[in-house]
Protein backbone atom coordinates (compact mmCIF):
# COMPACT_ATOMS: atom_id res chain seq x y z
CA MET A 1 97.58 93.25 105.22
CA ILE A 2 96.49 94.14 101.04
CA ASP A 3 94.36 91.63 99.42
CA SER A 4 95.24 91.74 96.67
CA HIS A 5 92.53 89.76 94.76
CA CYS A 6 88.69 89.60 95.57
CA HIS A 7 85.77 90.44 93.54
CA LEU A 8 83.32 93.47 95.46
CA GLU A 9 81.37 94.45 92.50
CA MET A 10 80.09 91.03 92.44
CA HIS A 11 75.82 90.69 93.68
CA GLU A 12 77.00 88.89 96.73
CA PHE A 13 78.13 92.23 98.38
CA ASP A 14 75.70 94.05 97.06
CA GLY A 15 73.79 94.28 100.41
CA ASP A 16 76.78 95.06 103.26
CA LEU A 17 79.27 96.45 100.93
CA GLY A 18 80.47 99.00 103.99
CA GLY A 19 80.06 96.40 106.39
CA VAL A 20 82.35 94.42 104.42
CA LEU A 21 84.84 97.45 104.17
CA SER A 22 84.68 98.92 107.77
CA ARG A 23 85.56 94.66 109.02
CA MET A 24 88.75 94.97 106.45
CA SER A 25 89.87 98.86 108.22
CA GLU A 26 89.37 96.54 111.84
CA ASN A 27 91.15 93.67 110.57
CA GLY A 28 94.35 95.75 109.29
CA VAL A 29 93.32 95.00 105.83
CA THR A 30 94.52 98.33 104.40
CA HIS A 31 93.74 98.48 100.83
CA ALA A 32 92.39 95.49 98.11
CA VAL A 33 92.13 94.80 94.47
CA SER A 34 88.71 94.44 93.28
CA ILE A 35 89.15 92.32 89.53
CA GLY A 36 87.69 94.71 87.45
CA SER A 37 85.73 92.72 84.59
CA LEU A 38 85.39 93.67 80.93
CA ALA A 39 83.45 90.60 79.82
CA GLN A 40 80.08 90.82 78.85
CA HIS A 41 77.25 90.95 82.06
CA GLU A 42 80.48 91.71 84.73
CA ARG A 43 79.33 94.78 86.44
CA ILE A 44 82.59 96.51 85.66
CA ASP A 45 79.94 100.09 85.86
CA LYS A 46 80.31 98.52 89.04
CA THR A 47 83.39 97.84 90.01
CA ILE A 48 84.35 102.04 88.39
CA GLU A 49 81.94 103.29 91.05
CA ILE A 50 83.53 101.45 94.02
CA ILE A 51 87.46 102.68 92.92
CA ASN A 52 86.39 105.63 92.35
CA SER A 53 84.34 105.83 96.09
CA HIS A 54 87.23 103.93 98.15
CA GLY A 55 90.80 105.77 98.05
CA ASN A 56 92.33 102.32 99.22
CA ILE A 57 90.33 100.07 96.54
CA PHE A 58 92.07 100.14 93.72
CA THR A 59 90.74 97.13 90.12
CA THR A 60 92.08 95.86 87.13
CA LEU A 61 90.50 95.72 83.45
CA GLY A 62 90.46 91.80 81.58
CA VAL A 63 88.29 89.71 80.40
CA HIS A 64 88.20 85.47 82.79
CA PRO A 65 89.04 82.50 80.53
CA LYS A 66 85.58 81.51 80.63
CA SER A 67 83.81 84.62 80.76
CA PRO A 68 81.19 86.24 78.10
CA TYR A 69 82.76 88.45 75.39
CA ARG A 70 81.82 90.01 72.20
CA ASP A 71 85.03 90.17 69.88
CA ILE A 72 88.85 91.03 70.58
CA ALA A 73 87.26 94.17 68.92
CA ASP A 74 85.12 94.95 71.70
CA VAL A 75 87.88 94.19 74.78
CA ALA A 76 90.10 96.62 73.23
CA GLU A 77 87.77 99.06 73.01
CA LYS A 78 86.17 98.39 75.94
CA PHE A 79 89.13 98.40 77.65
CA GLU A 80 90.62 102.06 76.05
CA LYS A 81 87.50 103.56 77.56
CA TYR A 82 87.64 102.54 80.83
CA TYR A 83 91.55 103.01 81.32
CA SER A 84 91.80 105.94 80.12
CA GLU A 85 89.15 107.46 82.54
CA ASN A 86 90.45 105.51 84.73
CA LYS A 87 94.75 105.12 85.07
CA ASN A 88 95.58 105.22 87.99
CA LYS A 89 92.97 103.55 89.77
CA ILE A 90 93.83 100.45 87.54
CA ALA A 91 96.80 98.12 89.41
CA ALA A 92 97.44 95.45 86.39
CA VAL A 93 95.51 93.86 83.04
CA GLY A 94 93.69 90.75 84.43
CA GLU A 95 92.26 88.48 85.81
CA ILE A 96 93.57 86.74 82.20
CA GLY A 97 94.86 83.27 81.57
CA LEU A 98 93.88 79.83 80.74
CA ASP A 99 91.06 77.54 82.43
CA TYR A 100 90.79 73.81 80.66
CA PHE A 101 88.42 72.96 83.62
CA LEU A 102 85.65 71.91 80.89
CA PRO A 103 83.41 69.16 82.80
CA GLU A 104 80.73 67.32 80.57
CA THR A 105 82.24 68.78 77.44
CA SER A 106 82.76 67.39 74.07
CA LYS A 107 86.81 67.02 73.14
CA GLU A 108 86.34 68.32 69.59
CA GLU A 109 84.26 71.51 71.65
CA ILE A 110 87.05 71.21 73.85
CA GLU A 111 89.51 71.85 71.34
CA LYS A 112 87.85 75.22 69.76
CA ILE A 113 86.82 76.06 73.32
CA LYS A 114 91.18 75.74 74.12
CA ILE A 115 91.76 77.97 71.04
CA LYS A 116 89.71 80.28 71.36
CA GLN A 117 91.54 81.40 75.28
CA LYS A 118 94.46 81.28 73.79
CA GLU A 119 93.78 83.80 71.53
CA LEU A 120 91.73 86.33 74.17
CA PHE A 121 94.78 85.07 77.05
CA ARG A 122 97.78 86.60 74.02
CA PHE A 123 95.62 89.66 73.37
CA GLN A 124 95.18 90.86 76.57
CA LEU A 125 98.93 90.19 77.33
CA LYS A 126 99.75 92.11 74.47
CA ILE A 127 97.72 94.76 75.76
CA ALA A 128 99.64 95.12 79.28
CA SER A 129 103.05 95.48 77.11
CA SER A 130 101.13 97.40 75.69
CA LYS A 131 100.24 99.49 78.48
CA GLY A 132 103.10 99.06 80.29
CA LEU A 133 101.36 97.62 82.99
CA PRO A 134 101.39 93.91 85.37
CA VAL A 135 99.07 90.73 84.48
CA ILE A 136 97.61 88.89 86.79
CA ILE A 137 96.93 85.13 85.46
CA HIS A 138 93.89 82.49 86.09
CA ILE A 139 95.27 78.82 85.50
CA ARG A 140 93.20 76.25 86.12
CA ASP A 141 93.81 72.56 84.99
CA ALA A 142 96.07 74.23 82.09
CA TYR A 143 99.89 74.64 83.29
CA GLU A 144 101.72 73.66 79.84
CA ASP A 145 99.85 75.45 77.61
CA ALA A 146 100.01 78.73 80.19
CA ILE A 147 103.62 78.21 80.50
CA GLU A 148 104.38 78.01 77.35
CA ILE A 149 102.55 81.64 76.77
CA LEU A 150 103.81 83.05 79.08
CA LYS A 151 107.47 82.26 78.75
CA GLU A 152 106.76 83.78 74.83
CA TYR A 153 105.49 87.00 76.57
CA ALA A 154 108.24 87.53 79.19
CA LYS A 155 111.21 87.26 76.21
CA ASP A 156 108.93 89.36 74.44
CA GLY A 157 110.43 92.71 72.91
CA ASP A 158 107.26 94.46 73.52
CA GLY A 159 107.96 94.20 77.56
CA PHE A 160 107.19 91.77 80.06
CA PHE A 161 106.15 94.32 83.75
CA GLY A 162 105.75 92.24 86.42
CA GLY A 163 102.60 89.23 87.52
CA VAL A 164 101.09 87.32 89.33
CA ILE A 165 99.92 83.76 89.44
CA HIS A 166 96.30 84.00 91.13
CA CYS A 167 95.29 81.47 93.36
CA PHE A 168 97.91 79.29 93.14
CA SER A 169 96.83 75.53 94.00
CA SER A 170 99.26 73.47 92.20
CA SER A 171 100.68 71.17 94.83
CA ASP A 172 103.71 70.40 92.33
CA LYS A 173 105.76 73.02 93.32
CA THR A 174 107.15 72.58 89.26
CA PRO A 175 105.25 75.54 87.64
CA ALA A 176 105.81 76.90 90.68
CA GLU A 177 109.79 77.51 90.20
CA GLU A 178 109.77 77.65 86.38
CA LEU A 179 107.07 80.75 86.76
CA ILE A 180 108.72 82.66 89.58
CA LYS A 181 112.03 81.93 87.41
CA MET A 182 110.50 83.96 84.48
CA GLY A 183 109.94 86.66 86.99
CA PHE A 184 105.89 86.29 88.41
CA PHE A 185 104.99 86.47 92.18
CA ILE A 186 102.97 83.63 93.07
CA SER A 187 99.28 84.40 95.34
CA PHE A 188 97.93 82.06 97.70
CA SER A 189 94.21 82.08 98.50
CA GLY A 190 91.84 80.82 100.85
CA ASN A 191 92.48 77.31 99.44
CA ILE A 192 95.56 76.96 101.67
CA THR A 193 94.07 76.84 104.68
CA TYR A 194 91.40 73.63 103.52
CA LYS A 195 92.68 70.36 105.79
CA LYS A 196 92.88 68.10 102.68
CA ASN A 197 95.64 70.79 101.29
CA GLU A 198 99.11 69.95 102.74
CA GLY A 199 100.02 69.74 99.28
CA LEU A 200 99.67 73.57 98.97
CA ARG A 201 100.94 74.41 101.71
CA GLU A 202 103.95 72.35 101.07
CA VAL A 203 104.86 74.77 98.20
CA SER A 204 104.18 77.13 99.91
CA LYS A 205 107.50 76.69 102.42
CA ILE A 206 109.15 76.57 99.12
CA ILE A 207 107.90 79.82 97.21
CA PRO A 208 110.60 82.98 98.02
CA SER A 209 109.09 85.10 100.11
CA GLU A 210 109.80 87.83 98.49
CA LYS A 211 108.05 86.54 95.36
CA ILE A 212 104.72 85.77 97.72
CA LEU A 213 101.22 87.65 97.69
CA ILE A 214 98.07 86.28 99.70
CA GLU A 215 94.41 86.94 98.47
CA THR A 216 90.74 85.79 99.41
CA ASP A 217 89.47 86.24 96.04
CA SER A 218 86.16 86.42 97.63
CA PRO A 219 83.30 86.33 97.26
CA PHE A 220 84.41 82.55 96.90
CA LEU A 221 86.97 80.14 98.82
CA ALA A 222 86.72 80.66 101.81
CA PRO A 223 89.09 79.98 104.65
CA GLN A 224 88.59 76.34 106.30
CA THR A 225 87.10 78.52 109.77
CA PHE A 226 84.67 80.20 107.48
CA ARG A 227 84.17 77.15 104.11
CA GLY A 228 80.66 77.27 102.19
CA LYS A 229 80.15 81.05 104.03
CA ARG A 230 80.54 83.76 101.39
CA ASN A 231 84.43 85.03 101.61
CA GLU A 232 85.12 88.98 102.41
CA PRO A 233 89.04 90.40 102.08
CA SER A 234 89.32 90.89 106.02
CA TYR A 235 89.18 86.88 105.76
CA VAL A 236 92.35 87.33 103.86
CA ARG A 237 94.32 87.67 107.53
CA PHE A 238 93.80 83.78 108.14
CA VAL A 239 96.19 82.81 104.42
CA LEU A 240 98.88 85.17 106.01
CA GLU A 241 98.53 82.91 109.04
CA THR A 242 98.42 79.96 107.13
CA VAL A 243 101.32 81.08 105.16
CA ALA A 244 103.60 82.71 108.07
CA ALA A 245 103.48 79.42 109.72
CA GLN A 246 104.17 77.31 106.61
CA LYS A 247 107.95 79.70 105.85
CA GLY A 248 108.43 79.70 109.97
CA VAL A 249 108.18 83.58 110.06
CA GLU A 250 106.83 86.01 112.66
CA LEU A 251 103.67 86.74 111.35
CA LYS A 252 104.02 90.97 111.30
CA ILE A 253 107.37 90.33 109.11
CA MET A 254 105.48 88.33 107.23
CA ASP A 255 102.20 91.17 106.34
CA ASP A 256 104.96 93.37 105.85
CA LEU A 257 106.65 91.75 102.81
CA THR A 258 103.56 91.07 101.59
CA VAL A 259 102.64 94.45 101.28
CA GLN A 260 105.81 94.98 99.84
CA ASN A 261 105.43 92.88 97.22
CA THR A 262 102.01 93.80 95.96
CA VAL A 263 103.09 97.66 96.74
CA ASN A 264 105.90 96.57 94.19
CA LEU A 265 103.86 94.72 91.89
CA PHE A 266 101.22 96.30 91.33
CA SER A 267 103.02 100.25 91.52
CA LEU A 268 100.65 101.14 94.22
CA GLU A 269 100.81 104.72 95.62
CA GLY A 270 99.40 105.42 98.70
CA VAL A 271 99.75 102.83 100.70
CA ASP A 272 101.76 104.42 104.16
CA GLY A 273 105.27 103.23 104.68
CA PHE A 274 106.02 101.96 101.88
CA TYR A 275 107.25 103.03 98.51
CA PRO A 276 107.55 100.83 94.73
CA ALA A 277 110.46 100.46 92.87
CA VAL A 278 112.94 101.35 95.97
CA ALA A 279 114.45 98.07 97.32
CA TYR A 280 113.67 94.26 95.56
CA LYS A 281 115.46 90.75 96.90
CA ILE A 282 116.95 88.73 93.94
CA ARG A 283 118.64 85.64 95.84
CA ASN A 284 120.58 86.67 98.86
CA SER A 285 120.40 90.33 97.73
CA VAL A 286 118.32 93.00 98.26
CA TYR A 287 118.75 95.97 95.57
CA VAL A 288 117.98 100.10 95.85
CA ASN A 289 117.33 102.18 93.34
CA LEU A 290 117.86 105.69 94.25
CA THR A 291 117.03 106.88 91.29
CA ASN A 292 116.18 106.33 87.24
CA LYS A 293 118.85 108.91 85.90
CA CYS A 294 122.21 108.12 84.79
CA THR A 295 124.95 109.27 83.11
CA ASN A 296 125.64 107.51 80.23
CA ARG A 297 122.95 106.05 77.80
CA CYS A 298 124.34 102.89 77.01
CA THR A 299 123.40 100.87 74.46
CA PHE A 300 122.82 97.78 76.12
CA CYS A 301 120.95 99.22 78.79
CA PRO A 302 117.89 97.02 79.24
CA LYS A 303 115.68 100.20 79.55
CA TYR A 304 116.49 101.50 75.94
CA GLN A 305 115.98 98.31 74.16
CA GLY A 306 114.60 98.10 70.56
CA GLY A 307 113.59 101.94 70.93
CA LYS A 308 110.89 101.22 73.85
CA SER A 309 111.36 102.43 77.80
CA ASN A 310 111.27 98.89 79.72
CA PHE A 311 112.04 98.99 83.42
CA CYS A 312 111.47 95.92 84.43
CA VAL A 313 114.18 93.45 86.39
CA GLN A 314 113.34 89.75 87.33
CA GLY A 315 109.42 90.60 87.50
CA TYR A 316 110.14 93.83 88.91
CA ASN A 317 109.24 97.02 87.80
CA LEU A 318 111.94 99.49 89.40
CA LYS A 319 110.51 103.36 87.18
CA LEU A 320 110.27 105.21 90.00
CA LYS A 321 107.20 107.27 90.87
CA LYS A 322 109.51 109.43 92.85
CA GLU A 323 113.17 109.31 94.34
CA PRO A 324 113.86 108.31 97.38
CA SER A 325 114.58 109.98 100.94
CA ALA A 326 116.99 107.60 103.23
CA SER A 327 114.32 107.51 105.21
CA GLU A 328 112.12 105.50 102.65
CA VAL A 329 114.97 103.58 101.28
CA LEU A 330 115.26 102.59 105.33
CA PRO A 331 111.92 99.91 105.81
CA SER A 332 112.32 99.65 101.93
CA ILE A 333 115.18 97.41 102.68
CA PHE A 334 114.88 95.41 106.02
CA ARG A 335 110.53 94.95 104.91
CA TYR A 336 113.31 91.39 103.88
CA TYR A 337 114.67 89.82 106.68
CA ASP A 338 117.01 87.28 104.21
CA PHE A 339 119.35 88.46 102.68
CA LYS A 340 123.60 88.72 103.46
CA GLU A 341 123.47 91.96 101.37
CA VAL A 342 122.99 95.33 99.72
CA VAL A 343 124.18 96.06 96.62
CA PHE A 344 123.30 99.97 95.40
CA CYS A 345 122.00 100.01 91.84
CA GLY A 346 118.38 99.17 90.35
CA LEU A 347 117.83 100.94 86.78
CA GLY A 348 120.30 104.61 87.32
CA GLU A 349 123.16 105.84 88.34
CA PRO A 350 123.19 105.35 92.22
CA THR A 351 126.16 107.56 92.69
CA LEU A 352 124.20 110.32 90.90
CA ARG A 353 122.34 109.91 95.22
CA ILE A 354 125.19 110.44 96.87
CA GLU A 355 124.31 111.97 99.65
CA THR A 356 121.37 109.62 99.94
CA LEU A 357 123.75 106.21 99.27
CA LYS A 358 126.30 107.55 101.97
CA GLU A 359 123.69 107.62 104.51
CA VAL A 360 122.19 104.87 103.69
CA ALA A 361 125.77 102.96 103.86
CA ALA A 362 126.39 104.16 107.15
CA ALA A 363 123.47 103.47 109.09
CA ILE A 364 123.63 99.93 107.76
CA LYS A 365 127.49 99.94 108.45
CA LYS A 366 125.99 101.85 112.07
CA GLY A 367 123.51 99.84 112.92
CA SER A 368 121.52 102.72 113.82
CA TYR A 369 118.73 101.79 111.73
CA LYS A 370 118.47 97.97 112.95
CA THR A 371 120.91 96.68 115.37
CA ASP A 372 121.92 93.32 114.41
CA SER A 373 122.68 95.28 110.12
CA ALA A 374 126.94 95.93 111.04
CA ASP A 375 127.25 92.68 109.70
CA ILE A 376 125.78 93.20 105.98
CA LYS A 377 127.72 93.74 103.00
CA ILE A 378 127.29 96.46 101.14
CA ARG A 379 128.17 96.29 97.39
CA LEU A 380 128.34 99.21 94.62
CA ASP A 381 127.49 98.88 91.14
CA THR A 382 128.34 101.96 89.28
CA ASP A 383 130.00 103.57 86.24
CA GLY A 384 132.54 104.88 87.27
CA LEU A 385 132.44 108.63 86.66
CA ALA A 386 131.59 109.51 90.40
CA ASN A 387 134.84 111.39 90.62
CA ALA A 388 134.42 113.50 87.61
CA VAL A 389 130.51 114.28 88.47
CA TYR A 390 130.99 115.49 91.35
CA GLY A 391 134.69 117.43 90.71
CA ARG A 392 135.90 115.28 94.46
CA ASN A 393 137.22 112.11 95.43
CA ILE A 394 133.89 110.24 96.17
CA ALA A 395 136.19 106.73 96.30
CA ALA A 396 137.63 108.15 99.59
CA GLU A 397 133.25 109.21 101.06
CA LEU A 398 132.55 105.74 100.73
CA GLU A 399 135.78 104.11 102.73
CA HIS A 400 133.74 102.45 105.64
CA ILE A 401 130.57 102.28 103.85
CA ILE A 402 130.84 100.01 100.39
CA ASP A 403 132.78 96.69 101.62
CA SER A 404 132.42 96.07 97.30
CA VAL A 405 132.30 98.38 94.42
CA SER A 406 131.50 96.69 90.59
CA ILE A 407 133.14 99.13 88.11
CA SER A 408 130.37 98.57 84.05
CA LEU A 409 133.53 99.70 82.01
CA ASN A 410 133.04 98.08 79.19
CA ALA A 411 135.35 99.02 76.72
CA GLN A 412 139.07 98.92 75.48
CA SER A 413 139.65 102.39 74.44
CA SER A 414 137.67 105.95 75.08
CA GLU A 415 136.43 105.40 71.04
CA ILE A 416 134.51 102.18 71.84
CA TYR A 417 133.77 103.18 75.22
CA ASP A 418 131.45 106.14 73.70
CA ALA A 419 130.53 104.86 71.49
CA ILE A 420 128.37 102.23 73.39
CA CYS A 421 127.74 104.12 76.64
CA ASP A 422 126.87 107.22 74.71
CA PRO A 423 128.21 109.11 77.51
CA LYS A 424 126.75 113.19 78.60
CA LEU A 425 130.10 113.98 79.95
CA ALA A 426 132.05 113.48 76.53
CA SER A 427 130.28 116.94 75.83
CA LYS A 428 131.60 118.95 79.20
CA GLY A 429 135.30 118.50 77.41
CA ILE A 430 135.74 115.20 80.06
CA LYS A 431 137.20 111.90 78.49
CA PRO A 432 134.96 109.45 80.53
CA TYR A 433 136.30 106.39 79.65
CA ASN A 434 139.86 107.76 81.36
CA ALA A 435 137.83 108.67 84.91
CA VAL A 436 136.34 105.70 85.12
CA ILE A 437 140.02 103.92 85.22
CA ASP A 438 141.23 106.56 87.39
CA PHE A 439 138.24 105.94 89.47
CA VAL A 440 139.21 101.78 89.82
CA LYS A 441 142.66 103.38 90.59
CA GLU A 442 141.00 105.23 93.46
CA SER A 443 138.60 102.72 94.76
CA LYS A 444 141.55 100.26 95.21
CA LYS A 445 143.08 102.79 98.03
CA TYR A 446 139.65 103.15 99.84
CA ILE A 447 137.43 99.95 99.40
CA LYS A 448 138.68 96.37 99.88
CA ASN A 449 137.28 94.02 97.52
CA VAL A 450 137.48 96.24 93.83
CA THR A 451 136.09 94.73 90.61
CA VAL A 452 136.11 95.74 86.93
CA THR A 453 132.89 94.11 84.64
CA ALA A 454 132.98 94.44 81.39
CA ILE A 455 129.50 92.84 78.71
CA ASP A 456 130.42 90.49 75.79
CA LEU A 457 129.09 92.83 73.45
CA PRO A 458 130.93 92.32 69.45
CA ALA A 459 132.82 95.27 69.89
CA VAL A 460 133.85 95.06 73.59
CA ASP A 461 138.17 93.55 73.72
CA ILE A 462 137.69 91.06 76.57
CA ALA A 463 140.84 89.94 77.25
CA PHE A 464 142.25 93.70 77.16
CA ILE A 465 139.92 94.46 79.75
CA GLU A 466 140.49 91.20 81.81
CA ASN A 467 144.28 91.89 80.84
CA LEU A 468 144.09 95.30 82.65
CA ALA A 469 142.19 94.59 85.28
CA LYS A 470 144.74 92.31 86.04
CA ASN A 471 147.47 94.96 85.86
CA LEU A 472 145.01 97.62 87.73
CA GLY A 473 145.30 95.28 90.73
CA VAL A 474 141.52 94.26 90.54
CA ASN A 475 138.78 92.11 90.34
CA PHE A 476 137.68 90.90 86.89
CA LYS A 477 133.95 89.97 85.83
CA LEU A 478 132.24 89.35 82.72
CA ARG A 479 128.89 90.02 82.29
CA HIS A 480 126.24 88.62 79.68
CA TYR A 481 123.98 90.84 77.41
CA ASN A 482 120.52 91.12 78.12
CA ASN A 483 121.32 88.66 81.17
CA VAL A 484 120.29 91.70 83.81
CA GLY A 485 119.69 90.73 87.89
């Protein structure tokens, strides 16, 4: 288990932090994210001391919407200081957001507070974009305004690198569905165990398991068993048990998946047996990210929009820390339990890791890693240049292990292809466009389902490519610009 949100720097832990961390370990909680507050008088130096003393504790940087701060410039200065000194242990920007629970406050004062909170929220979202970090979002009595701001942020050209709605508390599924659609994870805390929170438990049933994190928010929100007492990270097991029961999933499966989700969101390294950015689930398919290297540098690639590098797809940061081995890919795939297809895709050309690709695909087809995996369909999304890269017939090597292949053609001529896809192979005397068409022809001989795709850019003659696919005897699929995943 990982406690994805706690506050270990708070005074409530001063007397027995060592005992708290020991109980974490004893109860199977291997890591924790302890929130780092840049607000005035909120002990950021204590947080830094904790993370530097304990390798399994990570932190964040941000200002809570209700916390005191000098001004925006001071927040920026503090962020730069603590981030530059502790970059490897900073998992996110947070917790930040909106909190409109303002009892005994006049309407006039409430409006002023809201304006100030929104200004701080937007500013800190900009910091996250500039650093390529995910965000931890706090929302209380403010879902409408928060969702409006987050929609702007998720579409911002500066970059969205994922995020989580911490301590989700709404019994209305609508905000959860909207936030997931944007790419956010949903985190549940001890309040999901409370007797009167049946509405929240019902909402947890409809949250996709691959989008769930668990947390304590300790020392606050102790689970029902310890309600009224100090909460601590070891109690995250009660949250896990409740969520697993609501989802009807075995405890170990849900445990592994919430750990993987946390590792993926925060790009955490050092969690034994778990690897960030290797596999991720969208709908009924698990996507495998073998490499960030490409044969082309396509103008429409989400990695290089607006002159910036952004590896985020559907809330998943796909920037690999290192290229994974087959022994790392397979467990990453099977952290997920309810899928029908494995897709070699990611943000890179999967055939550049052809031997790993073949090893993983064969293990799935033969059931040698997981005995009931033989019925899972396997798809390859590729630029179609593998034969040209390796100088041999890669399509033939994929027979029996790949069920379908989707090949990006994206052009009606070599000139258009070179202009749009900027192929590196062109400098080696190879005609990439012709090589892609040859790969389509070879794939048809060995792979049951072959699809040619094209993206709807102004220079692309979609009708021509669709007709070409028909003449080649393969399927055609139109893809839409900036619609990834």
